[in-house]
N, C-alpha and C. Protein backbone atom coordinates (compact mmCIF):
# COMPACT_ATOMS: atom_id res chain seq x y z
N MET A 1 0.84 -0.99 0.06
CA MET A 1 0.07 -0.32 0.15
C MET A 1 0.71 1.45 0.04
N ARG A 2 0.54 2.54 -0.99
CA ARG A 2 1.20 3.36 -1.20
C ARG A 2 1.43 4.21 0.11
N SER A 3 2.06 5.33 0.30
CA SER A 3 1.99 5.74 1.97
C SER A 3 1.49 7.39 1.19
N PHE A 4 1.20 7.69 2.27
CA PHE A 4 0.37 9.38 2.35
C PHE A 4 1.06 9.87 1.89
N GLU A 5 2.97 10.29 1.75
CA GLU A 5 3.32 11.14 1.09
C GLU A 5 3.71 10.89 -0.23
N ASP A 6 3.53 9.22 -0.82
CA ASP A 6 3.27 9.28 -2.21
C ASP A 6 1.86 9.37 -2.59
N LEU A 7 1.18 9.38 -1.92
CA LEU A 7 -0.29 9.33 -2.71
C LEU A 7 -0.51 11.44 -2.64
N GLN A 8 0.25 11.89 -1.53
CA GLN A 8 0.54 13.83 -1.81
C GLN A 8 0.95 13.92 -2.71
N LYS A 9 1.93 13.68 -3.27
CA LYS A 9 3.16 13.63 -4.99
C LYS A 9 2.29 13.49 -5.97
N LEU A 10 1.16 12.12 -5.96
CA LEU A 10 0.78 11.62 -7.20
C LEU A 10 -0.38 12.54 -7.24
N PHE A 11 -1.35 12.97 -6.01
CA PHE A 11 -2.18 13.35 -6.31
C PHE A 11 -2.77 14.58 -5.97
N SER A 12 -1.81 15.28 -5.17
CA SER A 12 -1.78 16.48 -4.54
C SER A 12 -2.80 17.25 -3.61
N LEU A 13 -2.97 15.69 -2.88
CA LEU A 13 -3.17 15.59 -1.43
C LEU A 13 -2.93 17.02 -0.13
N LYS A 14 -4.09 17.03 0.72
CA LYS A 14 -3.56 18.30 1.03
C LYS A 14 -3.21 17.49 2.79
N ARG A 15 -2.78 17.85 3.46
CA ARG A 15 -2.06 17.70 5.01
C ARG A 15 -3.54 17.37 5.40
N THR A 16 -4.54 17.84 5.54
CA THR A 16 -6.02 17.92 6.24
C THR A 16 -6.38 16.63 6.25
N GLN A 17 -5.74 15.68 4.74
CA GLN A 17 -6.38 14.32 4.31
C GLN A 17 -5.95 13.26 4.81
N PHE A 18 -5.18 13.37 5.55
CA PHE A 18 -4.07 12.53 6.18
C PHE A 18 -5.10 11.19 7.26
N HIS A 19 -6.23 12.56 7.68
CA HIS A 19 -6.95 11.53 8.97
C HIS A 19 -7.68 10.46 8.19
N LYS A 20 -8.28 11.01 6.99
CA LYS A 20 -9.00 10.25 6.34
C LYS A 20 -8.23 9.13 5.67
N TYR A 21 -7.45 9.25 5.36
CA TYR A 21 -6.00 8.20 4.55
C TYR A 21 -6.46 7.18 5.55
N LEU A 22 -5.59 7.15 6.68
CA LEU A 22 -5.74 6.33 8.16
C LEU A 22 -6.83 5.56 8.00
N GLN A 23 -8.16 6.31 7.87
CA GLN A 23 -9.14 5.49 8.00
C GLN A 23 -9.11 4.20 7.19
N LEU A 24 -8.77 4.76 5.72
CA LEU A 24 -9.26 3.70 4.53
C LEU A 24 -8.60 3.00 4.77
N ARG A 25 -6.86 2.91 5.25
CA ARG A 25 -5.84 2.48 5.30
C ARG A 25 -6.18 1.36 6.32
N HIS A 26 -6.81 1.61 7.34
CA HIS A 26 -7.34 0.65 8.57
C HIS A 26 -8.23 -0.27 8.08
N ALA A 27 -9.30 0.21 7.10
CA ALA A 27 -10.33 -0.21 6.84
C ALA A 27 -9.93 -1.54 6.10
N LEU A 28 -8.90 -1.38 5.26
CA LEU A 28 -8.75 -2.30 4.20
C LEU A 28 -7.67 -3.33 5.12
N LEU A 29 -6.68 -2.57 5.42
CA LEU A 29 -6.14 -3.75 6.56
C LEU A 29 -7.19 -4.74 7.38
N VAL A 30 -8.21 -4.13 7.53
CA VAL A 30 -9.28 -5.04 8.25
C VAL A 30 -9.59 -6.37 7.18
N HIS A 31 -10.28 -5.65 6.22
CA HIS A 31 -10.97 -6.62 5.79
C HIS A 31 -9.52 -7.65 4.72
N VAL A 32 -8.67 -6.67 4.87
CA VAL A 32 -7.68 -7.78 3.15
C VAL A 32 -6.46 -8.05 4.03
N GLN A 33 -6.36 -7.95 4.93
CA GLN A 33 -5.68 -8.67 6.06
C GLN A 33 -3.99 -8.13 5.82
N THR A 34 -4.19 -7.59 4.77
CA THR A 34 -2.62 -7.31 4.50
C THR A 34 -2.48 -5.87 3.21
N GLY A 35 -1.68 -5.06 3.87
CA GLY A 35 -1.88 -3.91 2.97
C GLY A 35 -1.23 -4.24 1.30
N ASP A 36 -0.31 -5.80 1.07
CA ASP A 36 0.08 -5.57 0.18
C ASP A 36 -0.63 -6.60 -1.04
N SER A 37 -1.67 -7.25 -0.56
CA SER A 37 -2.80 -8.16 -1.54
C SER A 37 -3.03 -8.06 -2.65
N ILE A 38 -3.38 -8.31 -3.57
CA ILE A 38 -3.76 -8.10 -4.63
C ILE A 38 -4.54 -8.97 -5.11
N PRO A 39 -5.71 -8.49 -5.32
CA PRO A 39 -6.82 -9.26 -5.96
C PRO A 39 -6.01 -10.51 -7.10
N GLU A 40 -7.08 -11.72 -7.04
CA GLU A 40 -6.31 -12.39 -8.59
C GLU A 40 -6.94 -12.11 -9.30
N TYR A 41 -6.75 -12.00 -10.83
CA TYR A 41 -8.28 -11.61 -12.09
C TYR A 41 -8.53 -13.05 -12.10
N SER A 42 -9.71 -12.78 -12.59
CA SER A 42 -11.14 -13.44 -13.16
C SER A 42 -10.76 -14.28 -14.36
N PRO A 43 -10.68 -15.16 -14.51
CA PRO A 43 -10.70 -15.75 -15.90
C PRO A 43 -11.39 -14.58 -17.19
N MET A 44 -12.09 -13.81 -16.92
CA MET A 44 -12.54 -13.58 -18.37
C MET A 44 -11.23 -12.22 -18.39
N GLU A 45 -10.93 -11.42 -16.92
CA GLU A 45 -9.88 -10.65 -16.86
C GLU A 45 -8.81 -10.90 -17.22
N ALA A 46 -8.20 -11.51 -16.95
CA ALA A 46 -6.93 -12.64 -17.42
C ALA A 46 -6.86 -12.54 -19.02
N LYS A 47 -8.04 -13.16 -19.42
CA LYS A 47 -7.71 -13.25 -21.15
C LYS A 47 -8.42 -11.63 -21.92
N ALA A 48 -8.86 -10.79 -21.32
CA ALA A 48 -8.72 -9.63 -21.69
C ALA A 48 -7.30 -8.99 -22.09
N LEU A 49 -6.75 -9.09 -20.60
CA LEU A 49 -5.30 -8.07 -20.35
C LEU A 49 -3.99 -8.97 -21.13
N MET A 50 -4.41 -10.02 -21.45
CA MET A 50 -3.41 -11.23 -22.28
C MET A 50 -3.74 -10.83 -23.89
N GLY A 51 -5.31 -10.43 -24.03
CA GLY A 51 -5.26 -10.39 -25.43
C GLY A 51 -5.29 -11.56 -26.35
N ASN A 52 -6.12 -12.50 -25.13
CA ASN A 52 -6.30 -13.61 -25.95
C ASN A 52 -7.91 -14.22 -25.90
N LEU A 53 -8.76 -13.05 -26.59
CA LEU A 53 -10.46 -13.32 -26.62
C LEU A 53 -10.13 -14.07 -27.51
N GLY A 54 -9.75 -13.48 -29.04
CA GLY A 54 -9.90 -14.06 -29.93
C GLY A 54 -10.97 -13.53 -30.92
N GLY A 55 -11.22 -13.69 -31.62
CA GLY A 55 -12.71 -13.57 -32.61
C GLY A 55 -13.92 -13.77 -31.39
N GLY A 56 -15.01 -12.37 -31.86
CA GLY A 56 -15.97 -12.41 -30.78
C GLY A 56 -15.80 -12.02 -29.41
N GLY A 57 -14.98 -11.35 -29.37
CA GLY A 57 -14.54 -11.05 -27.79
C GLY A 57 -15.48 -10.12 -26.95
N VAL A 58 -16.00 -9.69 -27.58
CA VAL A 58 -16.76 -8.15 -27.47
C VAL A 58 -17.82 -9.04 -26.94
N SER A 59 -18.58 -10.32 -27.67
CA SER A 59 -19.76 -11.30 -27.59
C SER A 59 -19.67 -12.16 -26.08
N GLN A 60 -18.10 -12.25 -25.94
CA GLN A 60 -17.56 -13.50 -24.79
C GLN A 60 -18.01 -12.43 -23.29
N ILE A 61 -17.34 -10.96 -24.03
CA ILE A 61 -17.81 -10.59 -22.27
C ILE A 61 -18.88 -10.27 -22.08
N TYR A 62 -20.25 -9.69 -22.94
CA TYR A 62 -21.30 -9.67 -22.89
C TYR A 62 -21.46 -10.92 -22.06
N ARG A 63 -21.81 -12.13 -22.98
CA ARG A 63 -22.13 -13.10 -22.20
C ARG A 63 -21.59 -13.39 -20.85
N ALA A 64 -20.37 -13.18 -20.39
CA ALA A 64 -20.14 -13.72 -19.31
C ALA A 64 -20.62 -12.56 -18.29
N LEU A 65 -20.93 -11.47 -18.60
CA LEU A 65 -21.44 -10.64 -17.56
C LEU A 65 -22.91 -10.99 -17.25
N ILE A 66 -23.86 -11.36 -18.56
CA ILE A 66 -25.19 -11.32 -18.33
C ILE A 66 -25.25 -13.15 -17.44
N ALA A 67 -24.33 -13.77 -17.42
CA ALA A 67 -24.16 -14.91 -16.72
C ALA A 67 -24.36 -14.80 -15.56
N ASN A 68 -23.74 -13.42 -14.93
CA ASN A 68 -22.93 -13.52 -13.89
C ASN A 68 -23.51 -12.31 -12.88
N THR A 69 -25.07 -11.69 -13.37
CA THR A 69 -25.27 -10.54 -13.06
C THR A 69 -26.82 -11.27 -11.96
N THR A 70 -26.59 -9.99 -11.22
CA THR A 70 -27.85 -10.49 -10.44
C THR A 70 -28.70 -9.32 -10.13
N CYS A 71 -30.37 -9.30 -9.97
CA CYS A 71 -30.72 -8.20 -9.55
C CYS A 71 -30.36 -7.70 -8.55
N PRO A 72 -29.88 -6.32 -9.00
CA PRO A 72 -28.83 -5.07 -7.50
C PRO A 72 -30.29 -4.11 -7.08
N LEU A 73 -31.56 -4.74 -7.57
CA LEU A 73 -32.31 -3.98 -6.21
C LEU A 73 -32.78 -5.14 -5.58
N GLU A 74 -32.61 -6.59 -5.42
CA GLU A 74 -32.77 -7.19 -4.50
C GLU A 74 -32.67 -7.54 -3.42
N GLY A 75 -31.18 -6.95 -3.30
CA GLY A 75 -30.24 -6.62 -1.68
C GLY A 75 -31.95 -5.37 -1.08
N PRO A 76 -31.37 -4.88 -1.69
CA PRO A 76 -32.53 -3.47 -0.70
C PRO A 76 -34.35 -3.67 -0.44
N ARG A 77 -34.60 -4.52 -1.65
CA ARG A 77 -35.69 -4.91 -0.94
C ARG A 77 -35.88 -5.99 -0.23
N GLN A 78 -35.44 -6.89 0.41
CA GLN A 78 -34.89 -8.11 1.50
C GLN A 78 -34.65 -7.47 2.73
N ARG A 79 -33.71 -6.07 2.72
CA ARG A 79 -33.63 -5.59 3.54
C ARG A 79 -34.71 -4.61 4.45
N TRP A 80 -35.57 -3.72 3.14
CA TRP A 80 -36.83 -3.22 3.70
C TRP A 80 -38.17 -4.26 4.16
N GLU A 81 -38.08 -5.03 3.48
CA GLU A 81 -39.26 -6.10 4.36
C GLU A 81 -38.69 -7.46 5.46
N GLY A 82 -37.29 -6.49 5.56
CA GLY A 82 -37.01 -7.01 6.97
C GLY A 82 -37.72 -6.75 8.01
N TRP A 83 -37.62 -4.85 7.66
CA TRP A 83 -37.95 -3.80 8.25
C TRP A 83 -39.55 -3.80 8.87
N VAL A 84 -39.88 -3.71 7.68
CA VAL A 84 -41.77 -3.87 7.26
C VAL A 84 -42.34 -4.27 7.02
N GLY A 85 -41.94 -5.73 6.91
CA GLY A 85 -42.76 -7.11 6.35
C GLY A 85 -42.69 -6.86 4.55
N PRO A 86 -43.54 -8.16 4.04
CA PRO A 86 -43.50 -8.29 3.26
C PRO A 86 -44.67 -7.33 2.07
N MET A 87 -44.00 -7.02 0.87
CA MET A 87 -44.38 -5.87 -0.03
C MET A 87 -44.71 -6.94 -1.29
N ASP A 88 -45.71 -6.53 -1.66
CA ASP A 88 -46.55 -6.97 -2.79
C ASP A 88 -45.85 -6.05 -4.07
N GLU A 89 -45.53 -6.74 -5.35
CA GLU A 89 -45.23 -6.57 -6.48
C GLU A 89 -45.28 -4.43 -6.83
N MET A 90 -46.86 -4.65 -6.70
CA MET A 90 -46.98 -3.44 -7.16
C MET A 90 -46.94 -2.05 -6.21
N ASP A 91 -46.55 -2.43 -5.21
CA ASP A 91 -46.19 -1.70 -3.94
C ASP A 91 -44.19 -1.74 -3.92
N TRP A 92 -43.34 -2.82 -4.27
CA TRP A 92 -41.98 -2.28 -4.93
C TRP A 92 -42.01 -1.27 -5.63
N SER A 93 -43.26 -1.86 -6.44
CA SER A 93 -42.74 -0.62 -7.69
C SER A 93 -43.02 0.64 -7.51
N GLU A 94 -43.89 1.00 -6.71
CA GLU A 94 -44.38 2.20 -6.44
C GLU A 94 -43.05 2.89 -5.30
N ALA A 95 -42.40 1.76 -5.04
CA ALA A 95 -41.14 2.50 -4.23
C ALA A 95 -40.02 2.86 -5.29
N LEU A 96 -39.83 1.81 -6.08
CA LEU A 96 -38.43 1.79 -7.08
C LEU A 96 -39.06 3.39 -7.38
N MET A 97 -39.96 3.70 -8.33
CA MET A 97 -40.59 4.80 -9.28
C MET A 97 -40.78 6.33 -7.96
N ALA A 98 -40.40 6.16 -6.85
CA ALA A 98 -40.45 6.98 -6.17
C ALA A 98 -39.76 8.31 -6.18
N PRO A 99 -38.73 8.01 -6.06
CA PRO A 99 -37.19 8.83 -6.68
C PRO A 99 -37.92 9.73 -7.91
N ARG A 100 -38.43 9.46 -8.64
CA ARG A 100 -38.87 10.46 -9.96
C ARG A 100 -40.39 10.73 -9.99
N THR A 101 -41.22 9.98 -9.22
CA THR A 101 -42.72 10.55 -8.78
C THR A 101 -42.93 11.32 -7.40
N LEU A 102 -42.49 11.68 -6.74
CA LEU A 102 -42.27 12.10 -6.08
C LEU A 102 -41.83 13.82 -5.74
N THR A 103 -40.99 13.94 -6.46
CA THR A 103 -40.73 15.32 -7.05
C THR A 103 -39.31 15.51 -8.13
N MET A 104 -39.33 16.75 -8.87
CA MET A 104 -38.77 17.37 -9.95
C MET A 104 -37.32 17.45 -9.35
N ALA A 105 -37.26 17.69 -8.13
CA ALA A 105 -35.95 18.41 -8.00
C ALA A 105 -34.85 17.26 -7.36
N THR A 106 -34.05 17.51 -8.20
CA THR A 106 -32.95 16.50 -8.27
C THR A 106 -32.00 15.98 -6.93
N ARG A 107 -31.46 17.22 -6.22
CA ARG A 107 -31.42 16.63 -5.15
C ARG A 107 -31.85 15.71 -3.69
N PHE A 108 -33.55 16.58 -4.09
CA PHE A 108 -34.69 15.67 -3.23
C PHE A 108 -34.93 14.18 -4.09
N ARG A 109 -34.65 13.93 -5.51
CA ARG A 109 -34.33 12.13 -6.38
C ARG A 109 -33.08 11.46 -5.25
N LEU A 110 -32.32 12.62 -4.95
CA LEU A 110 -30.87 11.88 -5.03
C LEU A 110 -31.45 11.01 -3.33
N ILE A 111 -31.61 12.12 -2.58
CA ILE A 111 -32.45 11.28 -1.03
C ILE A 111 -32.87 10.30 -1.21
N GLN A 112 -34.16 10.39 -1.99
CA GLN A 112 -34.56 9.31 -1.97
C GLN A 112 -34.44 8.19 -2.38
N THR A 113 -33.32 8.23 -3.36
CA THR A 113 -32.44 6.98 -4.00
C THR A 113 -31.61 6.47 -2.75
N PHE A 114 -30.73 7.11 -2.31
CA PHE A 114 -30.26 6.97 -0.77
C PHE A 114 -31.75 6.06 -0.05
N TYR A 115 -32.48 6.55 0.49
CA TYR A 115 -33.36 5.94 0.96
C TYR A 115 -34.22 4.60 0.69
N LEU A 116 -34.12 4.56 -0.45
CA LEU A 116 -34.39 3.20 -1.08
C LEU A 116 -33.03 2.31 -1.47
N HIS A 117 -32.26 2.38 -1.27
CA HIS A 117 -30.85 1.81 -1.30
C HIS A 117 -30.44 1.54 -0.28
N THR A 118 -30.69 2.27 1.27
CA THR A 118 -30.66 2.03 2.14
C THR A 118 -28.96 2.52 2.42
N ALA A 119 -28.32 3.73 1.31
CA ALA A 119 -26.82 4.03 1.48
C ALA A 119 -27.11 5.52 2.36
N TYR A 120 -26.75 4.80 3.81
CA TYR A 120 -26.74 6.05 4.96
C TYR A 120 -25.22 5.57 5.11
N LEU A 121 -24.36 6.22 5.69
CA LEU A 121 -23.28 5.67 6.87
C LEU A 121 -23.36 6.05 8.26
N THR A 122 -24.39 4.84 8.73
CA THR A 122 -24.59 4.64 9.70
C THR A 122 -23.78 3.85 10.99
N PRO A 123 -23.91 4.75 12.07
CA PRO A 123 -22.59 4.31 12.95
C PRO A 123 -22.54 2.05 12.68
N ALA A 124 -23.71 1.39 12.83
CA ALA A 124 -23.60 -0.31 12.10
C ALA A 124 -22.75 0.03 11.15
N LYS A 125 -23.01 0.49 10.09
CA LYS A 125 -21.61 0.37 9.16
C LYS A 125 -20.52 0.95 9.26
N LEU A 126 -20.03 2.08 9.68
CA LEU A 126 -18.58 2.14 9.86
C LEU A 126 -18.08 1.39 10.93
N HIS A 127 -18.66 1.04 11.76
CA HIS A 127 -18.13 0.10 12.79
C HIS A 127 -18.24 -1.25 11.85
N ARG A 128 -18.61 -1.39 11.34
CA ARG A 128 -18.36 -3.03 10.42
C ARG A 128 -17.26 -2.87 9.37
N ALA A 129 -17.07 -1.54 9.07
CA ALA A 129 -15.97 -1.67 8.21
C ALA A 129 -14.61 -0.76 9.07
N GLY A 130 -14.95 -0.90 9.96
CA GLY A 130 -13.29 -1.03 10.79
C GLY A 130 -13.69 0.98 11.27
N LEU A 131 -14.04 1.47 10.82
CA LEU A 131 -14.03 2.72 10.62
C LEU A 131 -14.20 3.61 11.93
N GLN A 132 -15.29 3.32 12.65
CA GLN A 132 -15.64 3.76 13.96
C GLN A 132 -15.88 2.77 15.33
N SER A 133 -15.19 2.95 16.00
CA SER A 133 -15.13 1.65 17.61
C SER A 133 -16.80 1.25 17.83
N SER A 134 -17.40 2.02 17.54
CA SER A 134 -19.18 1.51 18.46
C SER A 134 -20.05 1.49 17.25
N ALA A 135 -21.29 0.57 17.32
CA ALA A 135 -22.19 0.69 16.32
C ALA A 135 -23.48 1.01 17.31
N GLU A 136 -23.09 2.15 18.12
CA GLU A 136 -24.33 2.73 18.72
C GLU A 136 -24.80 4.22 18.23
N CYS A 137 -26.15 4.58 18.63
CA CYS A 137 -26.90 5.18 17.97
C CYS A 137 -25.94 6.86 18.97
N PRO A 138 -26.27 7.51 18.28
CA PRO A 138 -25.34 8.76 18.79
C PRO A 138 -26.76 9.65 19.42
N ARG A 139 -27.62 9.15 19.38
CA ARG A 139 -29.20 9.77 19.72
C ARG A 139 -29.68 9.41 21.14
N CYS A 140 -30.17 7.81 20.79
CA CYS A 140 -30.10 7.29 21.72
C CYS A 140 -30.00 6.59 22.44
N THR A 141 -28.13 6.08 22.33
CA THR A 141 -27.06 5.02 22.42
C THR A 141 -27.65 3.61 22.48
N ASN A 142 -28.76 3.79 21.23
CA ASN A 142 -29.02 1.74 21.11
C ASN A 142 -27.56 1.13 20.66
N PRO A 143 -26.93 0.37 21.17
CA PRO A 143 -26.16 -0.95 20.66
C PRO A 143 -26.17 -1.07 19.33
N ALA A 144 -26.78 -1.03 18.19
CA ALA A 144 -27.16 -1.64 16.62
C ALA A 144 -27.85 -0.16 16.15
N ALA A 145 -27.05 0.49 15.83
CA ALA A 145 -27.62 1.49 15.05
C ALA A 145 -27.74 1.53 13.47
N ASP A 146 -28.51 0.79 13.20
CA ASP A 146 -28.65 0.17 11.64
C ASP A 146 -28.89 1.28 10.99
N PHE A 147 -29.82 1.32 9.52
CA PHE A 147 -30.37 2.69 8.58
C PHE A 147 -31.95 2.79 9.18
N PHE A 148 -32.55 1.47 9.62
CA PHE A 148 -33.90 1.78 9.88
C PHE A 148 -34.01 2.09 11.39
N HIS A 149 -32.73 1.86 12.03
CA HIS A 149 -32.87 2.51 13.71
C HIS A 149 -32.84 3.96 13.13
N MET A 150 -31.84 4.18 12.35
CA MET A 150 -31.64 5.74 12.07
C MET A 150 -32.38 6.56 11.39
N VAL A 151 -33.38 5.94 10.57
CA VAL A 151 -34.28 6.78 10.01
C VAL A 151 -35.67 6.38 10.62
N TRP A 152 -35.45 6.01 11.41
CA TRP A 152 -37.22 5.30 11.53
C TRP A 152 -37.38 5.08 13.39
N ALA A 153 -36.71 4.13 13.87
CA ALA A 153 -37.24 2.94 15.07
C ALA A 153 -36.31 4.12 15.96
N CYS A 154 -35.58 4.67 16.02
CA CYS A 154 -34.62 5.37 17.01
C CYS A 154 -36.12 6.47 17.44
N PRO A 155 -36.05 5.83 19.09
CA PRO A 155 -37.43 7.09 19.64
C PRO A 155 -37.10 8.44 19.44
N ILE A 156 -35.95 8.72 19.38
CA ILE A 156 -36.26 10.26 19.32
C ILE A 156 -36.49 9.94 17.86
N ILE A 157 -35.96 9.75 16.68
CA ILE A 157 -36.55 10.11 15.62
C ILE A 157 -37.81 9.58 15.07
N SER A 158 -38.34 8.55 16.13
CA SER A 158 -39.95 7.91 15.96
C SER A 158 -40.77 9.21 16.68
N ALA A 159 -40.51 10.32 17.91
CA ALA A 159 -41.40 10.97 18.25
C ALA A 159 -40.94 12.22 16.92
N TYR A 160 -40.19 12.62 16.70
CA TYR A 160 -39.81 13.65 15.31
C TYR A 160 -40.86 13.00 13.63
N TRP A 161 -41.02 11.89 13.66
CA TRP A 161 -42.27 11.78 12.51
C TRP A 161 -43.54 11.72 13.09
N GLY A 162 -43.71 11.53 14.37
CA GLY A 162 -45.24 12.12 15.40
C GLY A 162 -45.31 13.23 14.77
N ALA A 163 -44.70 14.18 15.33
CA ALA A 163 -44.90 15.05 15.28
C ALA A 163 -44.67 15.98 13.03
N ILE A 164 -44.28 15.11 12.55
CA ILE A 164 -44.40 15.52 11.37
C ILE A 164 -45.61 15.43 10.68
N THR A 165 -46.15 14.31 10.76
CA THR A 165 -47.63 13.77 10.80
C THR A 165 -48.38 14.39 11.30
N ARG A 166 -48.36 15.04 12.94
CA ARG A 166 -49.29 15.52 13.52
C ARG A 166 -49.75 17.10 12.20
N GLU A 167 -48.24 17.29 12.17
CA GLU A 167 -48.52 18.74 11.52
C GLU A 167 -48.78 18.96 10.02
N ILE A 168 -48.49 17.47 9.56
CA ILE A 168 -49.30 17.48 7.69
C ILE A 168 -50.95 16.99 7.80
N SER A 169 -51.04 16.11 9.20
CA SER A 169 -52.87 15.66 9.07
C SER A 169 -53.19 17.44 9.30
N GLY A 170 -52.72 18.39 9.97
CA GLY A 170 -53.60 19.37 10.12
C GLY A 170 -53.33 20.24 9.39
N VAL A 171 -52.90 20.48 8.18
CA VAL A 171 -52.83 21.20 6.78
C VAL A 171 -53.50 20.40 5.84
N LEU A 172 -53.45 19.09 6.16
CA LEU A 172 -54.22 18.45 4.94
C LEU A 172 -55.82 18.16 5.42
N GLN A 173 -56.36 18.49 6.40
CA GLN A 173 -56.87 18.20 7.23
C GLN A 173 -57.49 16.57 7.32
N GLU A 174 -56.53 15.40 7.44
CA GLU A 174 -56.81 14.50 7.13
C GLU A 174 -55.76 13.65 7.71
N ALA A 175 -56.11 12.09 8.77
CA ALA A 175 -55.47 11.65 9.27
C ALA A 175 -54.20 11.19 8.67
N ILE A 176 -52.65 11.15 8.62
CA ILE A 176 -51.55 10.57 8.65
C ILE A 176 -51.36 9.84 9.32
N GLU A 177 -51.09 8.48 9.20
CA GLU A 177 -50.48 7.77 10.29
C GLU A 177 -49.24 7.70 9.97
N ARG A 178 -48.19 7.32 11.07
CA ARG A 178 -46.82 7.38 11.04
C ARG A 178 -47.01 5.81 10.71
N GLU A 179 -46.37 5.57 9.31
CA GLU A 179 -46.28 3.97 8.08
C GLU A 179 -45.10 4.68 7.97
N PRO A 180 -44.35 3.51 7.91
CA PRO A 180 -43.25 3.91 7.20
C PRO A 180 -43.48 4.02 5.43
N LEU A 181 -44.43 3.26 5.15
CA LEU A 181 -44.34 2.49 3.99
C LEU A 181 -44.76 4.31 3.26
N PRO A 182 -45.42 4.97 3.47
CA PRO A 182 -46.01 6.26 2.47
C PRO A 182 -44.71 7.27 2.63
N LEU A 183 -44.13 7.28 4.33
CA LEU A 183 -43.40 8.19 4.57
C LEU A 183 -42.18 8.08 4.22
N LEU A 184 -41.32 6.83 4.18
CA LEU A 184 -39.56 6.49 4.52
C LEU A 184 -40.19 6.38 3.02
N LEU A 185 -40.42 5.45 2.03
CA LEU A 185 -40.72 4.85 0.72
C LEU A 185 -41.47 5.81 -0.44
N GLY A 186 -42.16 6.41 0.26
CA GLY A 186 -43.22 7.32 -1.11
C GLY A 186 -43.80 5.97 -1.02
N ILE A 187 -44.52 5.24 -0.85
CA ILE A 187 -45.68 4.16 -1.77
C ILE A 187 -46.81 4.67 -0.92
N MET A 188 -48.21 5.44 -1.89
CA MET A 188 -48.93 5.91 -1.29
C MET A 188 -50.24 5.14 -1.72
N GLY A 189 -49.79 3.81 -2.18
CA GLY A 189 -51.30 3.46 -2.88
C GLY A 189 -52.28 2.96 -1.84
N ASP A 190 -52.20 3.17 -0.62
CA ASP A 190 -53.23 2.51 0.63
C ASP A 190 -53.81 3.77 0.87
N THR A 191 -53.12 5.54 1.23
CA THR A 191 -53.41 6.18 1.84
C THR A 191 -55.19 6.84 1.75
N GLY A 192 -55.27 6.67 -0.06
CA GLY A 192 -56.70 7.39 -0.14
C GLY A 192 -56.65 8.59 -0.34
N LEU A 193 -55.52 9.26 -0.50
CA LEU A 193 -55.35 10.78 -1.13
C LEU A 193 -55.74 11.45 -1.88
N ARG A 194 -56.18 12.60 -2.29
CA ARG A 194 -56.04 13.22 -3.37
C ARG A 194 -54.58 13.02 -3.63
N ARG A 195 -54.69 13.68 -5.06
CA ARG A 195 -53.63 13.71 -6.07
C ARG A 195 -52.24 14.65 -5.21
N SER A 196 -52.96 15.52 -5.08
CA SER A 196 -52.28 17.01 -4.85
C SER A 196 -52.13 16.82 -3.06
N ASP A 197 -53.07 16.13 -2.81
CA ASP A 197 -52.39 15.73 -1.33
C ASP A 197 -51.41 14.82 -0.92
N ARG A 198 -51.20 14.26 -1.72
CA ARG A 198 -49.68 13.20 -1.87
C ARG A 198 -48.91 13.38 -2.24
N ALA A 199 -49.12 14.22 -3.36
CA ALA A 199 -47.74 15.83 -3.88
C ALA A 199 -47.22 15.80 -2.56
N PHE A 200 -48.13 16.49 -1.44
CA PHE A 200 -48.18 17.70 -0.64
C PHE A 200 -47.01 16.75 0.32
N LEU A 201 -47.69 15.29 0.65
CA LEU A 201 -47.42 14.39 1.67
C LEU A 201 -45.85 13.93 1.35
N GLY A 202 -45.88 13.45 -0.11
CA GLY A 202 -44.35 13.05 -0.42
C GLY A 202 -43.26 14.40 -0.18
N MET A 203 -43.46 15.53 -0.67
CA MET A 203 -42.44 16.75 -0.60
C MET A 203 -42.39 16.61 1.17
N ALA A 204 -42.96 17.09 1.71
CA ALA A 204 -43.09 16.99 3.27
C ALA A 204 -41.79 15.65 3.52
N CYS A 205 -42.46 14.83 3.45
CA CYS A 205 -41.52 13.66 4.06
C CYS A 205 -39.95 13.87 3.31
N LEU A 206 -39.83 14.49 2.16
CA LEU A 206 -38.67 14.44 1.67
C LEU A 206 -37.89 15.44 2.37
N VAL A 207 -38.35 16.30 2.93
CA VAL A 207 -37.92 17.56 3.77
C VAL A 207 -37.10 16.76 5.13
N ALA A 208 -38.15 16.00 5.76
CA ALA A 208 -38.05 15.43 6.96
C ALA A 208 -36.49 14.52 6.59
N LYS A 209 -36.82 13.97 5.60
CA LYS A 209 -35.55 13.12 5.59
C LYS A 209 -34.66 13.27 5.06
N ARG A 210 -34.94 14.51 4.50
CA ARG A 210 -33.37 15.07 4.03
C ARG A 210 -32.86 15.86 5.69
N ASP A 211 -33.31 16.31 6.47
CA ASP A 211 -32.97 16.92 8.08
C ASP A 211 -32.50 16.13 8.90
N ILE A 212 -32.95 14.56 8.64
CA ILE A 212 -32.43 13.40 9.56
C ILE A 212 -31.40 13.09 8.86
N MET A 213 -31.20 13.13 7.41
CA MET A 213 -29.68 12.93 7.00
C MET A 213 -28.89 13.87 7.71
N ALA A 214 -29.28 14.69 7.33
CA ALA A 214 -28.53 15.79 7.86
C ALA A 214 -27.71 16.14 8.92
N ASP A 215 -28.88 15.64 9.74
CA ASP A 215 -28.35 15.68 11.89
C ASP A 215 -27.19 14.75 11.88
């Protein structure tokens, strides 16, 4: 593994980035067990690097990719169903569309995409990566602060969502329940709200989700 001084010369890094270098280096050493190990090439990579693909090289690569491709959204769906229970195809399809249907603003679309893919650097993730000594929630000291805890189950966040739903209920003059499917995933199918009210609810929840991620 290159030293920080080498990387400074190569990429004009600032000295202030040394701490981040140490964090990344530690994470790599934890998972790889040595700073000098190099992953082995797959058979396809080895052929490509040696120029041994022969005729139909692109077709060979394409077939190899297709043969080893799994659905990238099965992981997020399984995680969500572990927290909120089984979802039918209609509900999951609505969740997949939510980043585009809830808002036209790119920033908020990105936030909803982060929630869909549970892409949040939680204490649990940082702890598993060796970048943090504890997986404890900084708000309530729960010892296993995973994604769902940080954005929903933490008592402090739960109270926050309760306040949000009360405010929205007052504005819409409709009872909005504190439920994760509409509030977190943007699944509005069973809310019974008018289209304009759904739009308001979706945008209000995006603002709330932005603030939770920023906290």
